[in-house]
């Protein structure tokens, strides 16, 4: 792997994780944790959605089923 590629991946990862944690902790100020954490747990759903839009990934039945199972699992854990 070229150094430029590795640097870009590292920088992108640090920015994404840093911004993600910043916005998660900021959300704790404005809404209760019991609402913020389930919303943040839907990351796989949004990742699949944005992958289709920005990276032109193909949507397969497996991806749709997996995303639906993640959302259903989060609903069951936090709503019941």
PDB file of N, CA and C in Angstrom:
ATOM      1  N   UNK A   1       0.849  -1.160   0.000  1.00  0.00           N
ATOM      2  CA  UNK A   1       0.000   0.000   0.000  1.00  0.00           C
ATOM      3  C   UNK A   1       0.905   1.236   0.000  1.00  0.00           C
ATOM      4  N   UNK A   2       0.553   2.180  -0.800  1.00  0.00           N
ATOM      5  CA  UNK A   2       1.344   3.405  -0.892  1.00  0.00           C
ATOM      6  C   UNK A   2       1.181   4.242   0.379  1.00  0.00           C
ATOM      7  N   UNK A   3       2.200   5.013   0.685  1.00  0.00           N
ATOM      8  CA  UNK A   3       2.140   5.848   1.888  1.00  0.00           C
ATOM      9  C   UNK A   3       1.007   6.860   1.821  1.00  0.00           C
ATOM     10  N   UNK A   4       0.775   7.410   0.647  1.00  0.00           N
ATOM     11  CA  UNK A   4      -0.297   8.395   0.493  1.00  0.00           C
ATOM     12  C   UNK A   4      -1.656   7.762   0.789  1.00  0.00           C
ATOM     13  N   UNK A   5      -1.869   6.544   0.310  1.00  0.00           N
ATOM     14  CA  UNK A   5      -3.125   5.840   0.558  1.00  0.00           C
ATOM     15  C   UNK A   5      -3.288   5.549   2.040  1.00  0.00           C
ATOM     16  N   UNK A   6      -2.222   5.072   2.675  1.00  0.00           N
ATOM     17  CA  UNK A   6      -2.280   4.777   4.108  1.00  0.00           C
ATOM     18  C   UNK A   6      -2.552   6.046   4.915  1.00  0.00           C
ATOM     19  N   UNK A   7      -1.913   7.141   4.542  1.00  0.00           N
ATOM     20  CA  UNK A   7      -2.127   8.408   5.247  1.00  0.00           C
ATOM     21  C   UNK A   7      -3.563   8.887   5.077  1.00  0.00           C
ATOM     22  N   UNK A   8      -4.099   8.743   3.879  1.00  0.00           N
ATOM     23  CA  UNK A   8      -5.483   9.161   3.644  1.00  0.00           C
ATOM     24  C   UNK A   8      -6.458   8.302   4.440  1.00  0.00           C
ATOM     25  N   UNK A   9      -6.225   6.996   4.480  1.00  0.00           N
ATOM     26  CA  UNK A   9      -7.089   6.107   5.252  1.00  0.00           C
ATOM     27  C   UNK A   9      -7.017   6.422   6.743  1.00  0.00           C
ATOM     28  N   UNK A  10      -5.825   6.639   7.246  1.00  0.00           N
ATOM     29  CA  UNK A  10      -5.643   6.958   8.663  1.00  0.00           C
ATOM     30  C   UNK A  10      -6.309   8.283   9.008  1.00  0.00           C
ATOM     31  N   UNK A  11      -6.086   9.291   8.180  1.00  0.00           N
ATOM     32  CA  UNK A  11      -6.679  10.603   8.425  1.00  0.00           C
ATOM     33  C   UNK A  11      -8.207  10.537   8.354  1.00  0.00           C
ATOM     34  N   UNK A  12      -8.729   9.869   7.344  1.00  0.00           N
ATOM     35  CA  UNK A  12     -10.183   9.730   7.230  1.00  0.00           C
ATOM     36  C   UNK A  12     -10.783   8.991   8.407  1.00  0.00           C
ATOM     37  N   UNK A  13     -10.123   7.935   8.845  1.00  0.00           N
ATOM     38  CA  UNK A  13     -10.619   7.178   9.995  1.00  0.00           C
ATOM     39  C   UNK A  13     -10.614   7.992  11.270  1.00  0.00           C
ATOM     40  N   UNK A  14      -9.525   8.728  11.497  1.00  0.00           N
ATOM     41  CA  UNK A  14      -9.455   9.560  12.695  1.00  0.00           C
ATOM     42  C   UNK A  14     -10.506  10.663  12.687  1.00  0.00           C
ATOM     43  N   UNK A  15     -10.715  11.269  11.540  1.00  0.00           N
ATOM     44  CA  UNK A  15     -11.733  12.318  11.445  1.00  0.00           C
ATOM     45  C   UNK A  15     -13.124  11.725  11.662  1.00  0.00           C
ATOM     46  N   UNK A  16     -13.405  10.614  11.018  1.00  0.00           N
ATOM     47  CA  UNK A  16     -14.731   9.999  11.147  1.00  0.00           C
ATOM     48  C   UNK A  16     -15.006   9.564  12.585  1.00  0.00           C
ATOM     49  N   UNK A  17     -14.057   8.885  13.209  1.00  0.00           N
ATOM     50  CA  UNK A  17     -14.243   8.439  14.589  1.00  0.00           C
ATOM     51  C   UNK A  17     -14.313   9.633  15.528  1.00  0.00           C
ATOM     52  N   UNK A  18     -13.427  10.597  15.318  1.00  0.00           N
ATOM     53  CA  UNK A  18     -13.420  11.785  16.174  1.00  0.00           C
ATOM     54  C   UNK A  18     -14.717  12.556  16.097  1.00  0.00           C
ATOM     55  N   UNK A  19     -15.207  12.798  14.884  1.00  0.00           N
ATOM     56  CA  UNK A  19     -16.475  13.509  14.736  1.00  0.00           C
ATOM     57  C   UNK A  19     -17.643  12.689  15.268  1.00  0.00           C
ATOM     58  N   UNK A  20     -17.598  11.381  15.041  1.00  0.00           N
ATOM     59  CA  UNK A  20     -18.666  10.520  15.546  1.00  0.00           C
ATOM     60  C   UNK A  20     -18.781  10.568  17.058  1.00  0.00           C
ATOM     61  N   UNK A  21     -17.667  10.432  17.748  1.00  0.00           N
ATOM     62  CA  UNK A  21     -17.684  10.484  19.213  1.00  0.00           C
ATOM     63  C   UNK A  21     -18.045  11.874  19.715  1.00  0.00           C
ATOM     64  N   UNK A  22     -17.563  12.906  19.025  1.00  0.00           N
ATOM     65  CA  UNK A  22     -17.913  14.265  19.426  1.00  0.00           C
ATOM     66  C   UNK A  22     -19.420  14.482  19.357  1.00  0.00           C
ATOM     67  N   UNK A  23     -20.027  14.113  18.240  1.00  0.00           N
ATOM     68  CA  UNK A  23     -21.464  14.324  18.096  1.00  0.00           C
ATOM     69  C   UNK A  23     -22.271  13.419  19.025  1.00  0.00           C
ATOM     70  N   UNK A  24     -21.782  12.217  19.315  1.00  0.00           N
ATOM     71  CA  UNK A  24     -22.482  11.344  20.262  1.00  0.00           C
ATOM     72  C   UNK A  24     -22.471  11.960  21.654  1.00  0.00           C
ATOM     73  N   UNK A  25     -21.306  12.411  22.109  1.00  0.00           N
ATOM     74  CA  UNK A  25     -21.251  13.009  23.444  1.00  0.00           C
ATOM     75  C   UNK A  25     -22.000  14.339  23.490  1.00  0.00           C
ATOM     76  N   UNK A  26     -21.987  15.080  22.396  1.00  0.00           N
ATOM     77  CA  UNK A  26     -22.765  16.320  22.336  1.00  0.00           C
ATOM     78  C   UNK A  26     -24.255  16.025  22.425  1.00  0.00           C
ATOM     79  N   UNK A  27     -24.690  14.941  21.822  1.00  0.00           N
ATOM     80  CA  UNK A  27     -26.108  14.596  21.875  1.00  0.00           C
ATOM     81  C   UNK A  27     -26.547  14.260  23.292  1.00  0.00           C
ATOM     82  N   UNK A  28     -25.630  13.767  24.133  1.00  0.00           N
ATOM     83  CA  UNK A  28     -25.980  13.459  25.519  1.00  0.00           C
ATOM     84  C   UNK A  28     -26.366  14.718  26.300  1.00  0.00           C
ATOM     85  N   UNK A  29     -25.912  15.874  25.846  1.00  0.00           N
ATOM     86  CA  UNK A  29     -26.264  17.130  26.509  1.00  0.00           C
ATOM     87  C   UNK A  29     -27.724  17.481  26.233  1.00  0.00           C
ATOM     88  N   UNK A  30     -28.183  17.183  25.013  1.00  0.00           N
ATOM     89  CA  UNK A  30     -29.496  17.642  24.587  1.00  0.00           C
ATOM     90  C   UNK A  30     -30.604  16.606  24.719  1.00  0.00           C
ATOM     91  N   UNK A  31     -30.275  15.322  24.679  1.00  0.00           N
ATOM     92  CA  UNK A  31     -31.303  14.292  24.831  1.00  0.00           C
ATOM     93  C   UNK A  31     -30.790  13.224  25.792  1.00  0.00           C
ATOM     94  N   UNK A  32     -31.691  12.472  26.415  1.00  0.00           N
ATOM     95  CA  UNK A  32     -31.253  11.418  27.347  1.00  0.00           C
ATOM     96  C   UNK A  32     -30.472  10.313  26.627  1.00  0.00           C
ATOM     97  N   UNK A  33     -29.573   9.682  27.374  1.00  0.00           N
ATOM     98  CA  UNK A  33     -28.776   8.595  26.810  1.00  0.00           C
ATOM     99  C   UNK A  33     -29.648   7.463  26.284  1.00  0.00           C
ATOM    100  N   UNK A  34     -30.792   7.260  26.920  1.00  0.00           N
ATOM    101  CA  UNK A  34     -31.677   6.178  26.493  1.00  0.00           C
ATOM    102  C   UNK A  34     -32.241   6.421  25.094  1.00  0.00           C
ATOM    103  N   UNK A  35     -32.160   7.655  24.603  1.00  0.00           N
ATOM    104  CA  UNK A  35     -32.583   7.942  23.237  1.00  0.00           C
ATOM    105  C   UNK A  35     -31.396   8.058  22.298  1.00  0.00           C
ATOM    106  N   UNK A  36     -30.277   8.592  22.781  1.00  0.00           N
ATOM    107  CA  UNK A  36     -29.115   8.819  21.918  1.00  0.00           C
ATOM    108  C   UNK A  36     -28.423   7.522  21.516  1.00  0.00           C
ATOM    109  N   UNK A  37     -28.274   6.604  22.444  1.00  0.00           N
ATOM    110  CA  UNK A  37     -27.535   5.366  22.150  1.00  0.00           C
ATOM    111  C   UNK A  37     -28.248   4.490  21.125  1.00  0.00           C
ATOM    112  N   UNK A  38     -29.566   4.276  21.232  1.00  0.00           N
ATOM    113  CA  UNK A  38     -30.212   3.480  20.177  1.00  0.00           C
ATOM    114  C   UNK A  38     -30.085   4.109  18.794  1.00  0.00           C
ATOM    115  N   UNK A  39     -30.162   5.422  18.732  1.00  0.00           N
ATOM    116  CA  UNK A  39     -30.017   6.091  17.438  1.00  0.00           C
ATOM    117  C   UNK A  39     -28.620   5.866  16.889  1.00  0.00           C
ATOM    118  N   UNK A  40     -27.606   5.968  17.746  1.00  0.00           N
ATOM    119  CA  UNK A  40     -26.231   5.770  17.278  1.00  0.00           C
ATOM    120  C   UNK A  40     -25.964   4.316  16.911  1.00  0.00           C
ATOM    121  N   UNK A  41     -26.761   3.406  17.423  1.00  0.00           N
ATOM    122  CA  UNK A  41     -26.579   1.988  17.118  1.00  0.00           C
ATOM    123  C   UNK A  41     -27.082   1.605  15.738  1.00  0.00           C
ATOM    124  N   UNK A  42     -27.709   2.517  15.048  1.00  0.00           N
ATOM    125  CA  UNK A  42     -28.202   2.232  13.703  1.00  0.00           C
ATOM    126  C   UNK A  42     -27.143   2.511  12.636  1.00  0.00           C
ATOM    127  N   UNK A  43     -25.897   2.615  13.039  1.00  0.00           N
ATOM    128  CA  UNK A  43     -24.799   2.894  12.110  1.00  0.00           C
ATOM    129  C   UNK A  43     -24.767   1.932  10.920  1.00  0.00           C
ATOM    130  N   UNK A  44     -24.932   0.615  11.107  1.00  0.00           N
ATOM    131  CA  UNK A  44     -24.908  -0.278   9.932  1.00  0.00           C
ATOM    132  C   UNK A  44     -25.971   0.059   8.892  1.00  0.00           C
ATOM    133  N   UNK A  45     -27.125   0.492   9.344  1.00  0.00           N
ATOM    134  CA  UNK A  45     -28.187   0.864   8.410  1.00  0.00           C
ATOM    135  C   UNK A  45     -27.770   2.072   7.578  1.00  0.00           C
ATOM    136  N   UNK A  46     -27.254   3.096   8.245  1.00  0.00           N
ATOM    137  CA  UNK A  46     -26.831   4.294   7.528  1.00  0.00           C
ATOM    138  C   UNK A  46     -25.602   4.034   6.669  1.00  0.00           C
ATOM    139  N   UNK A  47     -24.715   3.169   7.127  1.00  0.00           N
ATOM    140  CA  UNK A  47     -23.532   2.828   6.329  1.00  0.00           C
ATOM    141  C   UNK A  47     -23.934   2.157   5.022  1.00  0.00           C
ATOM    142  N   UNK A  48     -24.886   1.253   5.090  1.00  0.00           N
ATOM    143  CA  UNK A  48     -25.359   0.591   3.870  1.00  0.00           C
ATOM    144  C   UNK A  48     -26.036   1.596   2.947  1.00  0.00           C
ATOM    145  N   UNK A  49     -26.836   2.471   3.523  1.00  0.00           N
ATOM    146  CA  UNK A  49     -27.548   3.474   2.739  1.00  0.00           C
ATOM    147  C   UNK A  49     -26.571   4.415   2.023  1.00  0.00           C
ATOM    148  N   UNK A  50     -25.601   4.947   2.756  1.00  0.00           N
ATOM    149  CA  UNK A  50     -24.643   5.865   2.148  1.00  0.00           C
ATOM    150  C   UNK A  50     -23.665   5.149   1.221  1.00  0.00           C
ATOM    151  N   UNK A  51     -23.404   3.878   1.467  1.00  0.00           N
ATOM    152  CA  UNK A  51     -22.577   3.104   0.544  1.00  0.00           C
ATOM    153  C   UNK A  51     -23.227   2.971  -0.816  1.00  0.00           C
ATOM    154  N   UNK A  52     -24.531   2.794  -0.818  1.00  0.00           N
ATOM    155  CA  UNK A  52     -25.267   2.702  -2.078  1.00  0.00           C
ATOM    156  C   UNK A  52     -25.245   4.044  -2.805  1.00  0.00           C
ATOM    157  N   UNK A  53     -25.447   5.118  -2.054  1.00  0.00           N
ATOM    158  CA  UNK A  53     -25.518   6.446  -2.676  1.00  0.00           C
ATOM    159  C   UNK A  53     -24.154   6.913  -3.174  1.00  0.00           C
ATOM    160  N   UNK A  54     -23.151   6.886  -2.306  1.00  0.00           N
ATOM    161  CA  UNK A  54     -21.868   7.503  -2.632  1.00  0.00           C
ATOM    162  C   UNK A  54     -20.860   6.556  -3.283  1.00  0.00           C
ATOM    163  N   UNK A  55     -20.912   5.288  -2.941  1.00  0.00           N
ATOM    164  CA  UNK A  55     -19.934   4.335  -3.464  1.00  0.00           C
ATOM    165  C   UNK A  55     -20.507   3.418  -4.527  1.00  0.00           C
ATOM    166  N   UNK A  56     -21.775   3.605  -4.828  1.00  0.00           N
ATOM    167  CA  UNK A  56     -22.479   2.797  -5.847  1.00  0.00           C
ATOM    168  C   UNK A  56     -22.397   1.290  -5.554  1.00  0.00           C
ATOM    169  N   UNK A  57     -22.492   0.949  -4.283  1.00  0.00           N
ATOM    170  CA  UNK A  57     -22.494  -0.466  -3.912  1.00  0.00           C
ATOM    171  C   UNK A  57     -23.832  -1.081  -4.316  1.00  0.00           C
ATOM    172  N   UNK A  58     -23.797  -2.342  -4.623  1.00  0.00           N
ATOM    173  CA  UNK A  58     -25.023  -3.048  -5.007  1.00  0.00           C
ATOM    174  C   UNK A  58     -25.769  -3.483  -3.754  1.00  0.00           C
ATOM    175  N   UNK A  59     -27.075  -3.317  -3.791  1.00  0.00           N
ATOM    176  CA  UNK A  59     -27.919  -3.740  -2.679  1.00  0.00           C
ATOM    177  C   UNK A  59     -28.362  -5.163  -2.952  1.00  0.00           C
ATOM    178  N   UNK A  60     -28.017  -6.048  -2.055  1.00  0.00           N
ATOM    179  CA  UNK A  60     -28.435  -7.439  -2.180  1.00  0.00           C
ATOM    180  C   UNK A  60     -29.469  -7.743  -1.101  1.00  0.00           C
ATOM    181  N   UNK A  61     -30.136  -8.840  -1.254  1.00  0.00           N
ATOM    182  CA  UNK A  61     -31.122  -9.261  -0.254  1.00  0.00           C
ATOM    183  C   UNK A  61     -30.442  -9.466   1.099  1.00  0.00           C
ATOM    184  N   UNK A  62     -29.212  -9.915   1.080  1.00  0.00           N
ATOM    185  CA  UNK A  62     -28.469 -10.148   2.320  1.00  0.00           C
ATOM    186  C   UNK A  62     -28.213  -8.832   3.066  1.00  0.00           C
ATOM    187  N   UNK A  63     -27.879  -7.769   2.330  1.00  0.00           N
ATOM    188  CA  UNK A  63     -27.648  -6.468   2.948  1.00  0.00           C
ATOM    189  C   UNK A  63     -28.949  -5.908   3.520  1.00  0.00           C
ATOM    190  N   UNK A  64     -30.024  -6.017   2.765  1.00  0.00           N
ATOM    191  CA  UNK A  64     -31.321  -5.524   3.235  1.00  0.00           C
ATOM    192  C   UNK A  64     -31.757  -6.290   4.473  1.00  0.00           C
ATOM    193  N   UNK A  65     -31.629  -7.612   4.435  1.00  0.00           N
ATOM    194  CA  UNK A  65     -32.015  -8.426   5.580  1.00  0.00           C
ATOM    195  C   UNK A  65     -31.150  -8.116   6.799  1.00  0.00           C
ATOM    196  N   UNK A  66     -29.856  -7.976   6.592  1.00  0.00           N
ATOM    197  CA  UNK A  66     -28.952  -7.654   7.703  1.00  0.00           C
ATOM    198  C   UNK A  66     -29.271  -6.311   8.321  1.00  0.00           C
ATOM    199  N   UNK A  67     -29.520  -5.320   7.494  1.00  0.00           N
ATOM    200  CA  UNK A  67     -29.872  -3.991   8.008  1.00  0.00           C
ATOM    201  C   UNK A  67     -31.187  -4.031   8.771  1.00  0.00           C
ATOM    202  N   UNK A  68     -32.163  -4.756   8.245  1.00  0.00           N
ATOM    203  CA  UNK A  68     -33.455  -4.880   8.934  1.00  0.00           C
ATOM    204  C   UNK A  68     -33.295  -5.596  10.271  1.00  0.00           C
ATOM    205  N   UNK A  69     -32.438  -6.606  10.314  1.00  0.00           N
ATOM    206  CA  UNK A  69     -32.214  -7.338  11.565  1.00  0.00           C
ATOM    207  C   UNK A  69     -31.526  -6.446  12.608  1.00  0.00           C
ATOM    208  N   UNK A  70     -30.597  -5.611  12.172  1.00  0.00           N
ATOM    209  CA  UNK A  70     -29.933  -4.683  13.098  1.00  0.00           C
ATOM    210  C   UNK A  70     -30.947  -3.731  13.707  1.00  0.00           C
ATOM    211  N   UNK A  71     -31.781  -3.140  12.874  1.00  0.00           N
ATOM    212  CA  UNK A  71     -32.786  -2.196  13.364  1.00  0.00           C
ATOM    213  C   UNK A  71     -33.783  -2.900  14.282  1.00  0.00           C
ATOM    214  N   UNK A  72     -34.219  -4.090  13.913  1.00  0.00           N
ATOM    215  CA  UNK A  72     -35.159  -4.847  14.752  1.00  0.00           C
ATOM    216  C   UNK A  72     -34.517  -5.218  16.089  1.00  0.00           C
ATOM    217  N   UNK A  73     -33.255  -5.615  16.061  1.00  0.00           N
ATOM    218  CA  UNK A  73     -32.562  -5.946  17.298  1.00  0.00           C
ATOM    219  C   UNK A  73     -32.414  -4.751  18.215  1.00  0.00           C
ATOM    220  N   UNK A  74     -32.098  -3.613  17.651  1.00  0.00           N
ATOM    221  CA  UNK A  74     -31.986  -2.386  18.458  1.00  0.00           C
ATOM    222  C   UNK A  74     -33.342  -2.030  19.048  1.00  0.00           C
ATOM    223  N   UNK A  75     -34.372  -2.168  18.242  1.00  0.00           N
ATOM    224  CA  UNK A  75     -35.730  -1.897  18.744  1.00  0.00           C
ATOM    225  C   UNK A  75     -36.059  -2.811  19.907  1.00  0.00           C
ATOM    226  N   UNK A  76     -35.773  -4.099  19.766  1.00  0.00           N
ATOM    227  CA  UNK A  76     -36.090  -5.051  20.834  1.00  0.00           C
ATOM    228  C   UNK A  76     -35.303  -4.772  22.107  1.00  0.00           C
ATOM    229  N   UNK A  77     -34.044  -4.448  21.971  1.00  0.00           N
ATOM    230  CA  UNK A  77     -33.206  -4.222  23.147  1.00  0.00           C
ATOM    231  C   UNK A  77     -33.621  -2.962  23.902  1.00  0.00           C
ATOM    232  N   UNK A  78     -33.879  -1.891  23.185  1.00  0.00           N
ATOM    233  CA  UNK A  78     -34.100  -0.617  23.843  1.00  0.00           C
ATOM    234  C   UNK A  78     -35.560  -0.253  24.082  1.00  0.00           C
ATOM    235  N   UNK A  79     -36.483  -0.897  23.393  1.00  0.00           N
ATOM    236  CA  UNK A  79     -37.885  -0.523  23.541  1.00  0.00           C
ATOM    237  C   UNK A  79     -38.672  -1.462  24.448  1.00  0.00           C
ATOM    238  N   UNK A  80     -38.158  -2.631  24.674  1.00  0.00           N
ATOM    239  CA  UNK A  80     -38.904  -3.600  25.491  1.00  0.00           C
ATOM    240  C   UNK A  80     -38.349  -3.619  26.906  1.00  0.00           C
TER     241      UNK A  80
END
